[in-house]
C-alpha cells in the first residue's frame, strides 16, 4: 500500500463526485428525514391533543375500563420510533452500505 495523501484525497474526491454515490447519499438522507418527520409529527400531534383536548386521551379503552386511550398511544410513541430506528439501521447496513462499498471498490486502483 503506497497510497500517498494526495492519491487518497483524489480517490475520496472521485468517490464523492460519483453519481451513484450521490444517489445513495440522497436516498439515505431522504429516508432519514422522512422517518424523522413521521416521528416528530406523531409527537407534536400527541402534544397538541394533550394540550387542546385532554379529555380525548382520558377516554376509556372500553366501557368499565380504568385504562384510557392515552396510555397505549403514549406507549406507541416510545415503541414505534425505537422500531423505526432498528429498521433504519438494518436498511442502512444491508442496502446503503452495500451500495457504497461497491462504489468504493470501483475506485480502487
PDB file of N, CA and C in Angstrom:
ATOM      1  N   UNK A   1       0.845  -1.185   0.000  1.00  0.00           N
ATOM      2  CA  UNK A   1       0.000   0.000   0.000  1.00  0.00           C
ATOM      3  C   UNK A   1       0.882   1.236   0.000  1.00  0.00           C
ATOM      4  N   UNK A   2       0.974   1.828  -1.148  1.00  0.00           N
ATOM      5  CA  UNK A   2       1.784   3.031  -1.263  1.00  0.00           C
ATOM      6  C   UNK A   2       0.902   4.234  -1.553  1.00  0.00           C
ATOM      7  N   UNK A   3      -0.244   4.261  -0.910  1.00  0.00           N
ATOM      8  CA  UNK A   3      -1.154   5.389  -1.098  1.00  0.00           C
ATOM      9  C   UNK A   3      -0.579   6.623  -0.422  1.00  0.00           C
ATOM     10  N   UNK A   4      -0.430   7.654  -1.203  1.00  0.00           N
ATOM     11  CA  UNK A   4       0.026   8.924  -0.658  1.00  0.00           C
ATOM     12  C   UNK A   4      -1.200   9.728  -0.246  1.00  0.00           C
ATOM     13  N   UNK A   5      -1.004  10.711   0.605  1.00  0.00           N
ATOM     14  CA  UNK A   5      -2.153  11.544   0.980  1.00  0.00           C
ATOM     15  C   UNK A   5      -2.842  12.166  -0.234  1.00  0.00           C
ATOM     16  N   UNK A   6      -2.041  12.533  -1.254  1.00  0.00           N
ATOM     17  CA  UNK A   6      -2.633  13.125  -2.455  1.00  0.00           C
ATOM     18  C   UNK A   6      -3.489  12.114  -3.208  1.00  0.00           C
ATOM     19  N   UNK A   7      -2.993  10.884  -3.334  1.00  0.00           N
ATOM     20  CA  UNK A   7      -3.764   9.879  -4.071  1.00  0.00           C
ATOM     21  C   UNK A   7      -5.041   9.524  -3.316  1.00  0.00           C
ATOM     22  N   UNK A   8      -4.957   9.474  -1.998  1.00  0.00           N
ATOM     23  CA  UNK A   8      -6.166   9.207  -1.210  1.00  0.00           C
ATOM     24  C   UNK A   8      -7.166  10.346  -1.341  1.00  0.00           C
ATOM     25  N   UNK A   9      -6.668  11.572  -1.300  1.00  0.00           N
ATOM     26  CA  UNK A   9      -7.549  12.732  -1.453  1.00  0.00           C
ATOM     27  C   UNK A   9      -8.238  12.697  -2.807  1.00  0.00           C
ATOM     28  N   UNK A  10      -7.485  12.360  -3.841  1.00  0.00           N
ATOM     29  CA  UNK A  10      -8.057  12.274  -5.190  1.00  0.00           C
ATOM     30  C   UNK A  10      -9.105  11.152  -5.271  1.00  0.00           C
ATOM     31  N   UNK A  11      -8.808  10.028  -4.646  1.00  0.00           N
ATOM     32  CA  UNK A  11      -9.763   8.908  -4.664  1.00  0.00           C
ATOM     33  C   UNK A  11     -11.037   9.277  -3.906  1.00  0.00           C
ATOM     34  N   UNK A  12     -10.906   9.919  -2.751  1.00  0.00           N
ATOM     35  CA  UNK A  12     -12.088  10.343  -1.987  1.00  0.00           C
ATOM     36  C   UNK A  12     -12.916  11.342  -2.791  1.00  0.00           C
ATOM     37  N   UNK A  13     -12.232  12.255  -3.486  1.00  0.00           N
ATOM     38  CA  UNK A  13     -12.935  13.232  -4.308  1.00  0.00           C
ATOM     39  C   UNK A  13     -13.706  12.533  -5.425  1.00  0.00           C
ATOM     40  N   UNK A  14     -13.077  11.561  -6.072  1.00  0.00           N
ATOM     41  CA  UNK A  14     -13.762  10.864  -7.166  1.00  0.00           C
ATOM     42  C   UNK A  14     -14.951  10.057  -6.653  1.00  0.00           C
ATOM     43  N   UNK A  15     -14.845   9.524  -5.439  1.00  0.00           N
ATOM     44  CA  UNK A  15     -15.989   8.804  -4.850  1.00  0.00           C
ATOM     45  C   UNK A  15     -17.117   9.783  -4.569  1.00  0.00           C
ATOM     46  N   UNK A  16     -16.793  10.918  -3.946  1.00  0.00           N
ATOM     47  CA  UNK A  16     -17.831  11.907  -3.624  1.00  0.00           C
ATOM     48  C   UNK A  16     -18.508  12.466  -4.867  1.00  0.00           C
ATOM     49  N   UNK A  17     -17.796  12.531  -5.979  1.00  0.00           N
ATOM     50  CA  UNK A  17     -18.358  13.068  -7.217  1.00  0.00           C
ATOM     51  C   UNK A  17     -19.057  12.011  -8.069  1.00  0.00           C
ATOM     52  N   UNK A  18     -18.967  10.761  -7.673  1.00  0.00           N
ATOM     53  CA  UNK A  18     -19.601   9.668  -8.415  1.00  0.00           C
ATOM     54  C   UNK A  18     -21.122   9.828  -8.354  1.00  0.00           C
ATOM     55  N   UNK A  19     -21.809   9.823  -9.499  1.00  0.00           N
ATOM     56  CA  UNK A  19     -23.269   9.994  -9.498  1.00  0.00           C
ATOM     57  C   UNK A  19     -24.004   8.904  -8.706  1.00  0.00           C
ATOM     58  N   UNK A  20     -23.486   7.683  -8.743  1.00  0.00           N
ATOM     59  CA  UNK A  20     -24.121   6.604  -7.974  1.00  0.00           C
ATOM     60  C   UNK A  20     -23.987   6.856  -6.475  1.00  0.00           C
ATOM     61  N   UNK A  21     -22.816   7.337  -6.058  1.00  0.00           N
ATOM     62  CA  UNK A  21     -22.604   7.652  -4.647  1.00  0.00           C
ATOM     63  C   UNK A  21     -23.537   8.770  -4.204  1.00  0.00           C
ATOM     64  N   UNK A  22     -23.650   9.796  -5.047  1.00  0.00           N
ATOM     65  CA  UNK A  22     -24.550  10.904  -4.727  1.00  0.00           C
ATOM     66  C   UNK A  22     -25.991  10.420  -4.611  1.00  0.00           C
ATOM     67  N   UNK A  23     -26.388   9.494  -5.470  1.00  0.00           N
ATOM     68  CA  UNK A  23     -27.756   8.964  -5.426  1.00  0.00           C
ATOM     69  C   UNK A  23     -28.004   8.183  -4.138  1.00  0.00           C
ATOM     70  N   UNK A  24     -27.018   7.393  -3.708  1.00  0.00           N
ATOM     71  CA  UNK A  24     -27.165   6.628  -2.463  1.00  0.00           C
ATOM     72  C   UNK A  24     -27.248   7.576  -1.273  1.00  0.00           C
ATOM     73  N   UNK A  25     -26.383   8.572  -1.249  1.00  0.00           N
ATOM     74  CA  UNK A  25     -26.390   9.544  -0.149  1.00  0.00           C
ATOM     75  C   UNK A  25     -27.721  10.290  -0.105  1.00  0.00           C
ATOM     76  N   UNK A  26     -28.240  10.666  -1.265  1.00  0.00           N
ATOM     77  CA  UNK A  26     -29.521  11.363  -1.333  1.00  0.00           C
ATOM     78  C   UNK A  26     -30.663  10.465  -0.853  1.00  0.00           C
ATOM     79  N   UNK A  27     -30.665   9.209  -1.281  1.00  0.00           N
ATOM     80  CA  UNK A  27     -31.721   8.275  -0.860  1.00  0.00           C
ATOM     81  C   UNK A  27     -31.674   8.050   0.648  1.00  0.00           C
ATOM     82  N   UNK A  28     -30.468   7.885   1.187  1.00  0.00           N
ATOM     83  CA  UNK A  28     -30.324   7.678   2.631  1.00  0.00           C
ATOM     84  C   UNK A  28     -30.776   8.912   3.398  1.00  0.00           C
ATOM     85  N   UNK A  29     -30.424  10.077   2.899  1.00  0.00           N
ATOM     86  CA  UNK A  29     -30.819  11.323   3.550  1.00  0.00           C
ATOM     87  C   UNK A  29     -32.336  11.506   3.513  1.00  0.00           C
ATOM     88  N   UNK A  30     -32.940  11.248   2.363  1.00  0.00           N
ATOM     89  CA  UNK A  30     -34.399  11.378   2.254  1.00  0.00           C
ATOM     90  C   UNK A  30     -35.113  10.437   3.211  1.00  0.00           C
ATOM     91  N   UNK A  31     -34.633   9.199   3.292  1.00  0.00           N
ATOM     92  CA  UNK A  31     -35.258   8.237   4.197  1.00  0.00           C
ATOM     93  C   UNK A  31     -35.156   8.705   5.643  1.00  0.00           C
ATOM     94  N   UNK A  32     -33.984   9.169   6.047  1.00  0.00           N
ATOM     95  CA  UNK A  32     -33.824   9.605   7.440  1.00  0.00           C
ATOM     96  C   UNK A  32     -34.690  10.822   7.739  1.00  0.00           C
ATOM     97  N   UNK A  33     -34.809  11.755   6.785  1.00  0.00           N
ATOM     98  CA  UNK A  33     -35.663  12.928   7.003  1.00  0.00           C
ATOM     99  C   UNK A  33     -37.135  12.541   7.066  1.00  0.00           C
ATOM    100  N   UNK A  34     -37.552  11.600   6.219  1.00  0.00           N
ATOM    101  CA  UNK A  34     -38.954  11.153   6.263  1.00  0.00           C
ATOM    102  C   UNK A  34     -39.277  10.494   7.600  1.00  0.00           C
ATOM    103  N   UNK A  35     -38.399   9.613   8.043  1.00  0.00           N
ATOM    104  CA  UNK A  35     -38.638   8.948   9.325  1.00  0.00           C
ATOM    105  C   UNK A  35     -38.672   9.966  10.459  1.00  0.00           C
ATOM    106  N   UNK A  36     -37.765  10.921  10.426  1.00  0.00           N
ATOM    107  CA  UNK A  36     -37.751  11.967  11.453  1.00  0.00           C
ATOM    108  C   UNK A  36     -39.036  12.776  11.423  1.00  0.00           C
ATOM    109  N   UNK A  37     -39.506  13.109  10.234  1.00  0.00           N
ATOM    110  CA  UNK A  37     -40.750  13.883  10.107  1.00  0.00           C
ATOM    111  C   UNK A  37     -41.939  13.100  10.645  1.00  0.00           C
ATOM    112  N   UNK A  38     -41.992  11.809  10.348  1.00  0.00           N
ATOM    113  CA  UNK A  38     -43.104  10.991  10.862  1.00  0.00           C
ATOM    114  C   UNK A  38     -43.105  10.963  12.381  1.00  0.00           C
ATOM    115  N   UNK A  39     -41.938  10.727  12.965  1.00  0.00           N
ATOM    116  CA  UNK A  39     -41.849  10.631  14.425  1.00  0.00           C
ATOM    117  C   UNK A  39     -42.174  11.976  15.069  1.00  0.00           C
ATOM    118  N   UNK A  40     -41.602  13.053  14.561  1.00  0.00           N
ATOM    119  CA  UNK A  40     -41.880  14.373  15.136  1.00  0.00           C
ATOM    120  C   UNK A  40     -43.344  14.760  14.965  1.00  0.00           C
ATOM    121  N   UNK A  41     -43.933  14.416  13.833  1.00  0.00           N
ATOM    122  CA  UNK A  41     -45.361  14.695  13.626  1.00  0.00           C
ATOM    123  C   UNK A  41     -46.209  13.963  14.655  1.00  0.00           C
ATOM    124  N   UNK A  42     -45.867  12.719  14.912  1.00  0.00           N
ATOM    125  CA  UNK A  42     -46.618  11.950  15.905  1.00  0.00           C
ATOM    126  C   UNK A  42     -46.471  12.576  17.294  1.00  0.00           C
ATOM    127  N   UNK A  43     -45.252  12.967  17.665  1.00  0.00           N
ATOM    128  CA  UNK A  43     -45.038  13.606  18.969  1.00  0.00           C
ATOM    129  C   UNK A  43     -45.832  14.907  19.086  1.00  0.00           C
ATOM    130  N   UNK A  44     -45.739  15.745  18.055  1.00  0.00           N
ATOM    131  CA  UNK A  44     -46.442  17.027  18.110  1.00  0.00           C
ATOM    132  C   UNK A  44     -47.954  16.843  18.086  1.00  0.00           C
ATOM    133  N   UNK A  45     -48.441  15.857  17.352  1.00  0.00           N
ATOM    134  CA  UNK A  45     -49.883  15.582  17.346  1.00  0.00           C
ATOM    135  C   UNK A  45     -50.337  15.142  18.736  1.00  0.00           C
ATOM    136  N   UNK A  46     -49.560  14.287  19.380  1.00  0.00           N
ATOM    137  CA  UNK A  46     -49.905  13.833  20.728  1.00  0.00           C
ATOM    138  C   UNK A  46     -49.911  15.015  21.698  1.00  0.00           C
ATOM    139  N   UNK A  47     -48.886  15.872  21.608  1.00  0.00           N
ATOM    140  CA  UNK A  47     -48.837  17.041  22.497  1.00  0.00           C
ATOM    141  C   UNK A  47     -49.991  17.993  22.218  1.00  0.00           C
ATOM    142  N   UNK A  48     -50.361  18.152  20.948  1.00  0.00           N
ATOM    143  CA  UNK A  48     -51.480  19.034  20.604  1.00  0.00           C
ATOM    144  C   UNK A  48     -52.785  18.500  21.177  1.00  0.00           C
ATOM    145  N   UNK A  49     -52.982  17.194  21.087  1.00  0.00           N
ATOM    146  CA  UNK A  49     -54.200  16.600  21.656  1.00  0.00           C
ATOM    147  C   UNK A  49     -54.170  16.727  23.177  1.00  0.00           C
ATOM    148  N   UNK A  50     -53.016  16.479  23.788  1.00  0.00           N
ATOM    149  CA  UNK A  50     -52.908  16.583  25.244  1.00  0.00           C
ATOM    150  C   UNK A  50     -53.174  18.008  25.717  1.00  0.00           C
ATOM    151  N   UNK A  51     -52.735  18.994  24.953  1.00  0.00           N
ATOM    152  CA  UNK A  51     -52.946  20.387  25.342  1.00  0.00           C
ATOM    153  C   UNK A  51     -54.326  20.895  24.952  1.00  0.00           C
ATOM    154  N   UNK A  52     -54.808  20.491  23.797  1.00  0.00           N
ATOM    155  CA  UNK A  52     -56.058  21.048  23.283  1.00  0.00           C
ATOM    156  C   UNK A  52     -57.309  20.264  23.622  1.00  0.00           C
ATOM    157  N   UNK A  53     -57.185  18.967  23.752  1.00  0.00           N
ATOM    158  CA  UNK A  53     -58.359  18.124  24.036  1.00  0.00           C
ATOM    159  C   UNK A  53     -57.956  16.975  24.955  1.00  0.00           C
ATOM    160  N   UNK A  54     -57.530  17.300  26.183  1.00  0.00           N
ATOM    161  CA  UNK A  54     -57.055  16.243  27.079  1.00  0.00           C
ATOM    162  C   UNK A  54     -58.124  15.202  27.405  1.00  0.00           C
ATOM    163  N   UNK A  55     -59.383  15.595  27.339  1.00  0.00           N
ATOM    164  CA  UNK A  55     -60.451  14.630  27.629  1.00  0.00           C
ATOM    165  C   UNK A  55     -60.428  13.476  26.636  1.00  0.00           C
ATOM    166  N   UNK A  56     -59.966  13.738  25.434  1.00  0.00           N
ATOM    167  CA  UNK A  56     -59.879  12.687  24.423  1.00  0.00           C
ATOM    168  C   UNK A  56     -58.910  11.590  24.862  1.00  0.00           C
ATOM    169  N   UNK A  57     -57.803  11.985  25.482  1.00  0.00           N
ATOM    170  CA  UNK A  57     -56.833  10.997  25.957  1.00  0.00           C
ATOM    171  C   UNK A  57     -57.316  10.273  27.212  1.00  0.00           C
ATOM    172  N   UNK A  58     -58.306  10.850  27.903  1.00  0.00           N
ATOM    173  CA  UNK A  58     -58.865  10.213  29.098  1.00  0.00           C
ATOM    174  C   UNK A  58     -59.980   9.234  28.759  1.00  0.00           C
ATOM    175  N   UNK A  59     -60.331   9.137  27.489  1.00  0.00           N
ATOM    176  CA  UNK A  59     -61.403   8.234  27.073  1.00  0.00           C
ATOM    177  C   UNK A  59     -61.009   6.797  27.392  1.00  0.00           C
ATOM    178  N   UNK A  60     -61.883   6.059  28.092  1.00  0.00           N
ATOM    179  CA  UNK A  60     -61.558   4.655  28.393  1.00  0.00           C
ATOM    180  C   UNK A  60     -61.463   3.826  27.111  1.00  0.00           C
ATOM    181  N   UNK A  61     -60.625   2.793  27.163  1.00  0.00           N
ATOM    182  CA  UNK A  61     -60.486   1.909  26.008  1.00  0.00           C
ATOM    183  C   UNK A  61     -61.799   1.200  25.693  1.00  0.00           C
ATOM    184  N   UNK A  62     -62.503   0.792  26.735  1.00  0.00           N
ATOM    185  CA  UNK A  62     -63.830   0.188  26.574  1.00  0.00           C
ATOM    186  C   UNK A  62     -64.626   0.467  27.837  1.00  0.00           C
ATOM    187  N   UNK A  63     -65.900   0.230  27.786  1.00  0.00           N
ATOM    188  CA  UNK A  63     -66.783   0.530  28.924  1.00  0.00           C
ATOM    189  C   UNK A  63     -66.292  -0.183  30.180  1.00  0.00           C
ATOM    190  N   UNK A  64     -66.173   0.556  31.261  1.00  0.00           N
ATOM    191  CA  UNK A  64     -65.758  -0.006  32.541  1.00  0.00           C
ATOM    192  C   UNK A  64     -64.250  -0.147  32.695  1.00  0.00           C
ATOM    193  N   UNK A  65     -63.491   0.250  31.708  1.00  0.00           N
ATOM    194  CA  UNK A  65     -62.036   0.115  31.762  1.00  0.00           C
ATOM    195  C   UNK A  65     -61.428   1.276  32.541  1.00  0.00           C
ATOM    196  N   UNK A  66     -60.396   0.978  33.309  1.00  0.00           N
ATOM    197  CA  UNK A  66     -59.647   2.022  34.005  1.00  0.00           C
ATOM    198  C   UNK A  66     -58.487   2.516  33.142  1.00  0.00           C
ATOM    199  N   UNK A  67     -58.247   1.822  32.063  1.00  0.00           N
ATOM    200  CA  UNK A  67     -57.159   2.184  31.160  1.00  0.00           C
ATOM    201  C   UNK A  67     -57.685   3.125  30.082  1.00  0.00           C
ATOM    202  N   UNK A  68     -57.073   4.292  29.996  1.00  0.00           N
ATOM    203  CA  UNK A  68     -57.519   5.267  28.993  1.00  0.00           C
ATOM    204  C   UNK A  68     -56.741   5.077  27.694  1.00  0.00           C
ATOM    205  N   UNK A  69     -57.258   5.673  26.650  1.00  0.00           N
ATOM    206  CA  UNK A  69     -56.619   5.553  25.342  1.00  0.00           C
ATOM    207  C   UNK A  69     -55.262   6.252  25.295  1.00  0.00           C
ATOM    208  N   UNK A  70     -55.021   7.173  26.200  1.00  0.00           N
ATOM    209  CA  UNK A  70     -53.750   7.894  26.232  1.00  0.00           C
ATOM    210  C   UNK A  70     -52.563   7.006  26.569  1.00  0.00           C
ATOM    211  N   UNK A  71     -52.774   5.987  27.398  1.00  0.00           N
ATOM    212  CA  UNK A  71     -51.669   5.104  27.804  1.00  0.00           C
ATOM    213  C   UNK A  71     -51.123   4.314  26.610  1.00  0.00           C
ATOM    214  N   UNK A  72     -51.957   3.601  25.851  1.00  0.00           N
ATOM    215  CA  UNK A  72     -51.401   2.884  24.698  1.00  0.00           C
ATOM    216  C   UNK A  72     -50.824   3.824  23.631  1.00  0.00           C
ATOM    217  N   UNK A  73     -51.443   4.996  23.453  1.00  0.00           N
ATOM    218  CA  UNK A  73     -50.901   5.940  22.475  1.00  0.00           C
ATOM    219  C   UNK A  73     -49.516   6.432  22.894  1.00  0.00           C
ATOM    220  N   UNK A  74     -49.358   6.754  24.164  1.00  0.00           N
ATOM    221  CA  UNK A  74     -48.051   7.193  24.659  1.00  0.00           C
ATOM    222  C   UNK A  74     -47.027   6.064  24.550  1.00  0.00           C
ATOM    223  N   UNK A  75     -47.457   4.846  24.816  1.00  0.00           N
ATOM    224  CA  UNK A  75     -46.559   3.695  24.678  1.00  0.00           C
ATOM    225  C   UNK A  75     -46.109   3.527  23.233  1.00  0.00           C
ATOM    226  N   UNK A  76     -47.034   3.729  22.309  1.00  0.00           N
ATOM    227  CA  UNK A  76     -46.679   3.642  20.889  1.00  0.00           C
ATOM    228  C   UNK A  76     -45.668   4.714  20.497  1.00  0.00           C
ATOM    229  N   UNK A  77     -45.760   5.881  21.140  1.00  0.00           N
ATOM    230  CA  UNK A  77     -44.805   6.948  20.848  1.00  0.00           C
ATOM    231  C   UNK A  77     -43.385   6.594  21.289  1.00  0.00           C
ATOM    232  N   UNK A  78     -43.261   5.622  22.163  1.00  0.00           N
ATOM    233  CA  UNK A  78     -41.942   5.153  22.576  1.00  0.00           C
ATOM    234  C   UNK A  78     -41.503   3.975  21.712  1.00  0.00           C
ATOM    235  N   UNK A  79     -42.405   3.033  21.502  1.00  0.00           N
ATOM    236  CA  UNK A  79     -42.058   1.785  20.822  1.00  0.00           C
ATOM    237  C   UNK A  79     -41.856   1.977  19.313  1.00  0.00           C
ATOM    238  N   UNK A  80     -42.741   2.708  18.660  1.00  0.00           N
ATOM    239  CA  UNK A  80     -42.659   2.848  17.199  1.00  0.00           C
ATOM    240  C   UNK A  80     -41.356   3.529  16.759  1.00  0.00           C
ATOM    241  N   UNK A  81     -40.939   4.638  17.363  1.00  0.00           N
ATOM    242  CA  UNK A  81     -39.644   5.208  16.950  1.00  0.00           C
ATOM    243  C   UNK A  81     -38.469   4.253  17.192  1.00  0.00           C
ATOM    244  N   UNK A  82     -38.546   3.485  18.261  1.00  0.00           N
ATOM    245  CA  UNK A  82     -37.500   2.501  18.540  1.00  0.00           C
ATOM    246  C   UNK A  82     -37.455   1.463  17.417  1.00  0.00           C
ATOM    247  N   UNK A  83     -38.622   0.969  16.999  1.00  0.00           N
ATOM    248  CA  UNK A  83     -38.686   0.000  15.904  1.00  0.00           C
ATOM    249  C   UNK A  83     -38.234   0.623  14.583  1.00  0.00           C
ATOM    250  N   UNK A  84     -38.635   1.859  14.331  1.00  0.00           N
ATOM    251  CA  UNK A  84     -38.207   2.537  13.108  1.00  0.00           C
ATOM    252  C   UNK A  84     -36.692   2.735  13.080  1.00  0.00           C
ATOM    253  N   UNK A  85     -36.104   3.019  14.232  1.00  0.00           N
ATOM    254  CA  UNK A  85     -34.653   3.159  14.307  1.00  0.00           C
ATOM    255  C   UNK A  85     -33.974   1.841  13.972  1.00  0.00           C
ATOM    256  N   UNK A  86     -34.481   0.756  14.536  1.00  0.00           N
ATOM    257  CA  UNK A  86     -33.934  -0.565  14.225  1.00  0.00           C
ATOM    258  C   UNK A  86     -34.059  -0.897  12.751  1.00  0.00           C
ATOM    259  N   UNK A  87     -35.216  -0.578  12.162  1.00  0.00           N
ATOM    260  CA  UNK A  87     -35.414  -0.829  10.738  1.00  0.00           C
ATOM    261  C   UNK A  87     -34.455   0.011   9.901  1.00  0.00           C
ATOM    262  N   UNK A  88     -34.269   1.282  10.280  1.00  0.00           N
ATOM    263  CA  UNK A  88     -33.361   2.154   9.533  1.00  0.00           C
ATOM    264  C   UNK A  88     -31.926   1.633   9.607  1.00  0.00           C
ATOM    265  N   UNK A  89     -31.490   1.213  10.776  1.00  0.00           N
ATOM    266  CA  UNK A  89     -30.132   0.682  10.923  1.00  0.00           C
ATOM    267  C   UNK A  89     -29.966  -0.566  10.058  1.00  0.00           C
ATOM    268  N   UNK A  90     -30.965  -1.443  10.074  1.00  0.00           N
ATOM    269  CA  UNK A  90     -30.912  -2.643   9.240  1.00  0.00           C
ATOM    270  C   UNK A  90     -30.837  -2.262   7.761  1.00  0.00           C
ATOM    271  N   UNK A  91     -31.675  -1.332   7.352  1.00  0.00           N
ATOM    272  CA  UNK A  91     -31.709  -0.882   5.950  1.00  0.00           C
ATOM    273  C   UNK A  91     -30.371  -0.252   5.567  1.00  0.00           C
ATOM    274  N   UNK A  92     -29.829   0.566   6.440  1.00  0.00           N
ATOM    275  CA  UNK A  92     -28.550   1.213   6.148  1.00  0.00           C
ATOM    276  C   UNK A  92     -27.432   0.179   6.034  1.00  0.00           C
ATOM    277  N   UNK A  93     -27.424  -0.795   6.935  1.00  0.00           N
ATOM    278  CA  UNK A  93     -26.353  -1.790   6.936  1.00  0.00           C
ATOM    279  C   UNK A  93     -26.466  -2.787   5.790  1.00  0.00           C
ATOM    280  N   UNK A  94     -27.675  -3.102   5.362  1.00  0.00           N
ATOM    281  CA  UNK A  94     -27.827  -4.118   4.323  1.00  0.00           C
ATOM    282  C   UNK A  94     -27.948  -3.529   2.924  1.00  0.00           C
ATOM    283  N   UNK A  95     -28.492  -2.361   2.796  1.00  0.00           N
ATOM    284  CA  UNK A  95     -28.752  -1.797   1.472  1.00  0.00           C
ATOM    285  C   UNK A  95     -27.762  -0.679   1.133  1.00  0.00           C
ATOM    286  N   UNK A  96     -27.787   0.382   1.907  1.00  0.00           N
ATOM    287  CA  UNK A  96     -26.962   1.547   1.589  1.00  0.00           C
ATOM    288  C   UNK A  96     -25.470   1.239   1.697  1.00  0.00           C
ATOM    289  N   UNK A  97     -25.055   0.577   2.765  1.00  0.00           N
ATOM    290  CA  UNK A  97     -23.634   0.290   2.939  1.00  0.00           C
ATOM    291  C   UNK A  97     -23.113  -0.637   1.848  1.00  0.00           C
ATOM    292  N   UNK A  98     -23.938  -1.586   1.411  1.00  0.00           N
ATOM    293  CA  UNK A  98     -23.525  -2.489   0.341  1.00  0.00           C
ATOM    294  C   UNK A  98     -23.306  -1.707  -0.960  1.00  0.00           C
ATOM    295  N   UNK A  99     -24.206  -0.779  -1.242  1.00  0.00           N
ATOM    296  CA  UNK A  99     -24.057   0.034  -2.454  1.00  0.00           C
ATOM    297  C   UNK A  99     -22.815   0.919  -2.381  1.00  0.00           C
ATOM    298  N   UNK A 100     -22.594   1.525  -1.230  1.00  0.00           N
ATOM    299  CA  UNK A 100     -21.421   2.393  -1.071  1.00  0.00           C
ATOM    300  C   UNK A 100     -20.133   1.580  -1.165  1.00  0.00           C
ATOM    301  N   UNK A 101     -20.118   0.386  -0.581  1.00  0.00           N
ATOM    302  CA  UNK A 101     -18.929  -0.465  -0.660  1.00  0.00           C
ATOM    303  C   UNK A 101     -18.613  -0.829  -2.110  1.00  0.00           C
ATOM    304  N   UNK A 102     -19.639  -1.080  -2.915  1.00  0.00           N
ATOM    305  CA  UNK A 102     -19.418  -1.395  -4.331  1.00  0.00           C
ATOM    306  C   UNK A 102     -18.836  -0.193  -5.069  1.00  0.00           C
ATOM    307  N   UNK A 103     -19.314   0.990  -4.749  1.00  0.00           N
ATOM    308  CA  UNK A 103     -18.801   2.208  -5.387  1.00  0.00           C
ATOM    309  C   UNK A 103     -17.345   2.439  -4.989  1.00  0.00           C
ATOM    310  N   UNK A 104     -17.037   2.247  -3.717  1.00  0.00           N
ATOM    311  CA  UNK A 104     -15.660   2.426  -3.242  1.00  0.00           C
ATOM    312  C   UNK A 104     -14.749   1.395  -3.902  1.00  0.00           C
ATOM    313  N   UNK A 105     -15.229   0.171  -4.039  1.00  0.00           N
ATOM    314  CA  UNK A 105     -14.427  -0.885  -4.665  1.00  0.00           C
ATOM    315  C   UNK A 105     -14.109  -0.549  -6.124  1.00  0.00           C
ATOM    316  N   UNK A 106     -15.044   0.082  -6.815  1.00  0.00           N
ATOM    317  CA  UNK A 106     -14.804   0.505  -8.200  1.00  0.00           C
ATOM    318  C   UNK A 106     -13.662   1.514  -8.289  1.00  0.00           C
ATOM    319  N   UNK A 107     -13.477   2.287  -7.236  1.00  0.00           N
ATOM    320  CA  UNK A 107     -12.471   3.355  -7.250  1.00  0.00           C
ATOM    321  C   UNK A 107     -11.085   2.878  -6.825  1.00  0.00           C
ATOM    322  N   UNK A 108     -10.974   1.625  -6.439  1.00  0.00           N
ATOM    323  CA  UNK A 108      -9.660   1.118  -6.028  1.00  0.00           C
ATOM    324  C   UNK A 108      -8.735   1.047  -7.240  1.00  0.00           C
ATOM    325  N   UNK A 109      -7.475   1.393  -7.026  1.00  0.00           N
ATOM    326  CA  UNK A 109      -6.515   1.346  -8.146  1.00  0.00           C
ATOM    327  C   UNK A 109      -6.172  -0.082  -8.544  1.00  0.00           C
TER     328      UNK A 109
END
